[in-house]
Protein backbone atom coordinates (compact mmCIF):
# COMPACT_ATOMS: atom_id res chain seq x y z
CA MET A 1 -80.69 61.06 109.48
CA LYS A 2 -79.82 57.49 110.81
CA LEU A 3 -82.69 54.95 111.63
CA PRO A 4 -81.66 53.15 114.81
CA GLU A 5 -82.26 49.72 113.10
CA PHE A 6 -79.98 50.02 110.31
CA PRO A 7 -76.19 50.65 110.18
CA GLN A 8 -75.98 53.27 107.16
CA GLU A 9 -76.91 56.84 107.29
CA ALA A 10 -78.74 59.34 104.86
CA GLN A 11 -77.18 62.77 104.05
CA ILE A 12 -80.03 65.67 104.13
CA LEU A 13 -79.97 69.01 102.49
CA ARG A 14 -83.08 71.34 103.74
CA PRO A 15 -83.57 74.96 103.23
CA LYS A 16 -81.97 76.79 106.06
CA GLN A 17 -84.91 78.10 107.85
CA LEU A 18 -88.04 75.54 107.52
CA ASP A 19 -91.19 77.35 107.91
CA ALA A 20 -93.83 75.54 110.21
CA SER A 21 -96.47 77.04 108.17
CA ILE A 22 -95.87 75.37 104.87
CA THR A 23 -94.93 71.79 103.53
CA TYR A 24 -91.98 70.61 101.48
CA GLY A 25 -91.28 68.51 98.44
CA ILE A 26 -89.07 65.85 99.43
CA LEU A 27 -86.43 64.22 96.74
CA ILE A 28 -84.93 60.80 97.44
CA TRP A 29 -81.92 60.06 95.45
CA LEU A 30 -80.50 56.57 95.43
CA ARG A 31 -76.88 57.31 94.36
CA GLU A 32 -74.64 54.57 93.11
CA GLY A 33 -70.82 54.41 92.72
CA GLU A 34 -68.23 57.27 93.79
CA GLN A 35 -68.80 59.14 90.11
CA GLU A 36 -72.49 59.75 90.66
CA GLN A 37 -72.09 60.33 94.39
CA ALA A 38 -69.80 63.20 93.02
CA ASP A 39 -72.41 64.26 90.40
CA VAL A 40 -75.68 64.18 92.59
CA SER A 41 -74.39 65.95 95.45
CA ALA A 42 -76.09 68.04 98.19
CA GLU A 43 -73.83 71.03 96.95
CA ALA A 44 -75.07 70.79 93.34
CA TRP A 45 -78.52 71.21 94.57
CA LYS A 46 -78.23 73.64 97.20
CA SER A 47 -79.66 76.72 95.58
CA ILE A 48 -82.63 74.45 94.21
CA CYS A 49 -83.54 73.11 97.69
CA GLN A 50 -83.23 76.69 99.12
CA ARG A 51 -85.83 78.37 95.86
CA ASP A 52 -88.25 75.93 95.44
CA GLY A 53 -88.58 74.47 99.19
CA LEU A 54 -87.11 71.08 98.31
CA ILE A 55 -85.50 68.61 100.80
CA LEU A 56 -82.92 66.55 99.33
CA VAL A 57 -82.38 63.01 101.03
CA LEU A 58 -79.13 61.05 99.99
CA PRO A 59 -78.97 57.62 101.53
CA GLU A 60 -76.25 55.35 101.12
CA PRO A 61 -76.50 51.57 100.70
CA GLU A 62 -75.37 49.04 103.20
CA GLU A 63 -72.77 47.56 101.02
CA SER A 64 -70.28 49.58 99.11
CA THR A 65 -70.61 47.54 96.12
CA GLY A 66 -73.97 49.29 95.71
CA TRP A 67 -77.58 48.90 95.96
CA ARG A 68 -79.25 45.61 96.51
CA ALA A 69 -82.69 43.95 97.10
CA SER A 70 -81.85 43.76 100.89
CA ASP A 71 -81.87 47.60 101.08
CA LEU A 72 -85.61 47.68 100.38
CA GLU A 73 -86.47 47.70 103.59
CA TYR A 74 -84.28 50.28 105.05
CA LEU A 75 -85.64 52.72 101.92
CA ARG A 76 -88.99 51.85 102.86
CA GLN A 77 -88.62 53.18 106.57
CA LEU A 78 -86.58 55.81 105.31
CA VAL A 79 -89.37 57.34 103.18
CA ARG A 80 -91.61 56.94 106.09
CA ALA A 81 -89.60 58.81 108.49
CA ASN A 82 -88.50 61.43 106.08
CA ILE A 83 -92.48 62.11 105.33
CA ARG A 84 -93.32 62.16 109.28
CA ARG A 85 -90.27 64.40 110.56
CA LEU A 86 -89.35 66.91 107.60
CA GLN A 87 -93.21 68.55 107.03
CA ALA A 88 -93.44 66.60 103.59
CA ASP A 89 -95.89 67.79 100.80
CA PRO A 90 -97.63 64.53 100.34
CA ARG A 91 -98.12 65.46 96.76
CA ARG A 92 -94.35 66.07 96.21
CA VAL A 93 -92.67 62.95 97.74
CA VAL A 94 -90.08 61.75 94.98
CA ILE A 95 -87.76 58.66 94.61
CA ALA A 96 -84.91 59.14 92.05
CA GLY A 97 -81.97 57.06 90.65
CA ARG A 98 -79.68 56.21 87.73
CA GLY A 99 -79.29 52.63 86.34
CA LYS A 100 -79.48 50.18 89.16
CA GLY A 101 -80.67 52.97 91.35
CA GLY A 102 -83.44 54.15 89.11
CA GLN A 103 -84.83 50.32 88.95
CA LEU A 104 -84.63 50.19 92.56
CA ALA A 105 -86.42 53.54 92.63
CA TYR A 106 -89.03 51.92 90.27
CA THR A 107 -89.50 49.20 92.75
CA LEU A 108 -89.78 51.41 96.00
CA ALA A 109 -92.27 53.73 94.21
CA LEU A 110 -94.62 51.15 92.89
CA GLY A 111 -94.68 49.56 96.33
CA LEU A 112 -95.41 52.96 98.32
CA ARG A 113 -97.78 54.36 96.30
CA GLN A 114 -99.81 55.42 99.35
CA SER A 115 -96.49 57.78 100.40
CA VAL A 116 -94.69 58.36 97.16
CA ARG A 117 -96.20 60.39 94.37
CA ALA A 118 -93.60 60.27 91.65
CA VAL A 119 -90.39 58.56 90.70
CA VAL A 120 -87.33 60.15 88.50
CA THR A 121 -85.30 57.64 86.56
CA LEU A 122 -82.09 58.26 84.56
CA ASP A 123 -81.22 55.50 81.72
CA ALA A 124 -83.17 52.97 83.83
CA PRO A 125 -85.53 50.35 82.41
CA LEU A 126 -87.88 48.50 84.70
CA PRO A 127 -86.69 45.50 86.88
CA ARG A 128 -87.63 42.80 84.66
CA THR A 129 -89.66 40.58 87.13
CA LEU A 130 -91.64 43.59 88.39
CA ARG A 131 -95.44 43.63 87.90
CA ILE A 132 -96.91 46.92 86.98
CA PRO A 133 -100.13 47.85 88.89
CA GLU A 134 -102.69 49.60 87.41
CA ASN A 135 -102.40 53.23 88.01
CA GLN A 136 -105.31 54.54 90.68
CA PRO A 137 -106.92 58.07 91.13
CA ALA A 138 -106.52 57.81 94.70
CA VAL A 139 -102.82 56.64 94.80
CA ARG A 140 -101.50 58.26 91.46
CA LEU A 141 -97.70 57.65 90.67
CA ALA A 142 -96.26 60.02 88.30
CA VAL A 143 -93.00 59.30 86.22
CA LEU A 144 -90.29 61.25 84.83
CA SER A 145 -87.84 59.06 82.42
CA ILE A 146 -84.72 60.82 81.51
CA GLU A 147 -82.63 59.08 78.58
CA SER A 148 -79.48 59.82 77.17
CA GLN A 149 -78.80 59.50 73.73
CA ASN A 150 -75.86 57.24 74.09
CA SER A 151 -77.70 54.68 76.44
CA ILE A 152 -77.56 51.04 75.61
CA PHE A 153 -80.60 50.72 77.82
CA LYS A 154 -82.79 53.01 75.35
CA PRO A 155 -84.76 50.24 73.59
CA LEU A 156 -85.67 48.88 76.95
CA VAL A 157 -86.60 52.20 78.53
CA ARG A 158 -88.80 53.01 75.59
CA THR A 159 -90.81 49.84 75.65
CA ASP A 160 -91.13 50.29 79.68
CA ILE A 161 -92.46 53.69 79.18
CA ALA A 162 -95.46 52.23 76.91
CA ARG A 163 -96.24 49.79 79.25
CA LEU A 164 -96.25 52.37 82.02
CA ARG A 165 -98.53 54.58 79.89
CA GLU A 166 -100.89 51.68 79.12
CA ALA A 167 -101.19 50.88 82.75
CA GLY A 168 -102.48 54.50 83.15
CA TYR A 169 -99.10 56.39 84.73
CA PRO A 170 -98.45 59.72 83.27
CA VAL A 171 -94.95 59.71 81.89
CA THR A 172 -92.84 62.76 80.96
CA GLN A 173 -89.64 62.06 78.90
CA ILE A 174 -86.48 64.13 78.89
CA ASN A 175 -83.76 63.46 76.63
CA LEU A 176 -80.05 64.33 77.27
CA ARG A 177 -77.22 64.20 74.95
CA ASP A 178 -74.94 62.20 77.22
CA ALA A 179 -76.00 61.36 80.98
CA SER A 180 -72.47 59.95 81.55
CA SER A 181 -71.30 63.50 82.49
CA GLU A 182 -72.36 65.41 85.31
CA LEU A 183 -76.02 66.15 85.51
CA ALA A 184 -75.90 69.73 84.23
CA ASN A 185 -77.63 72.72 85.96
CA ARG A 186 -80.79 72.95 83.35
CA ASN A 187 -81.45 69.11 84.03
CA ARG A 188 -81.64 69.80 87.69
CA ASP A 189 -83.70 72.61 86.93
CA ALA A 190 -85.91 70.61 84.82
CA ILE A 191 -86.46 67.99 87.38
CA ALA A 192 -87.18 70.55 90.20
CA ARG A 193 -89.85 72.30 87.79
CA TRP A 194 -91.33 68.91 87.15
CA ILE A 195 -91.49 68.23 91.06
CA ASP A 196 -92.66 71.63 91.66
CA GLY A 197 -96.07 70.78 89.33
CA LEU A 198 -96.72 67.58 90.81
CA ASP A 199 -99.50 69.08 93.03
CA ARG A 200 -101.19 69.96 89.79
CA LEU A 201 -101.25 66.68 88.08
């Protein structure tokens, strides 16, 4: 998918045959760096997307050095375009990212609570300047925080989880032995199961 007003493109993986009678969960993953692009790949998610009726969107930052605040408008427009074009289930629109991509995912999700229902982060504390709005029943946002045992951000992540819960956000935690290696199949399955249950939160 390419938006006409922006130079970058987004790779999209969706079930082979879309059924016009149903809606689909959308997972927008903000990958960063060559290793993560290999780890969080369309190929790795293919069977899960087919099984669970999930559409995976893999956008790229404008600069090869990674995501910047200037990419936010592109991502906002991309989220809206995907919801409109891809038969999105409004209860299962999710932004995800690791590290800096996870921080950007928080910023994007908290700013688009009318459209985004959940955020998944790996070893990502909240941006330090981000104000957490109170969670509201009409625009509920759920959080899945994945933390690796060897992460240097663990203390910040745990402090931020407490802040999110205090503001009324339902937070689910998953602990990994080591998130520096490829996201294992069992972890992708755990993320997919959590997304599938969002309509029941």
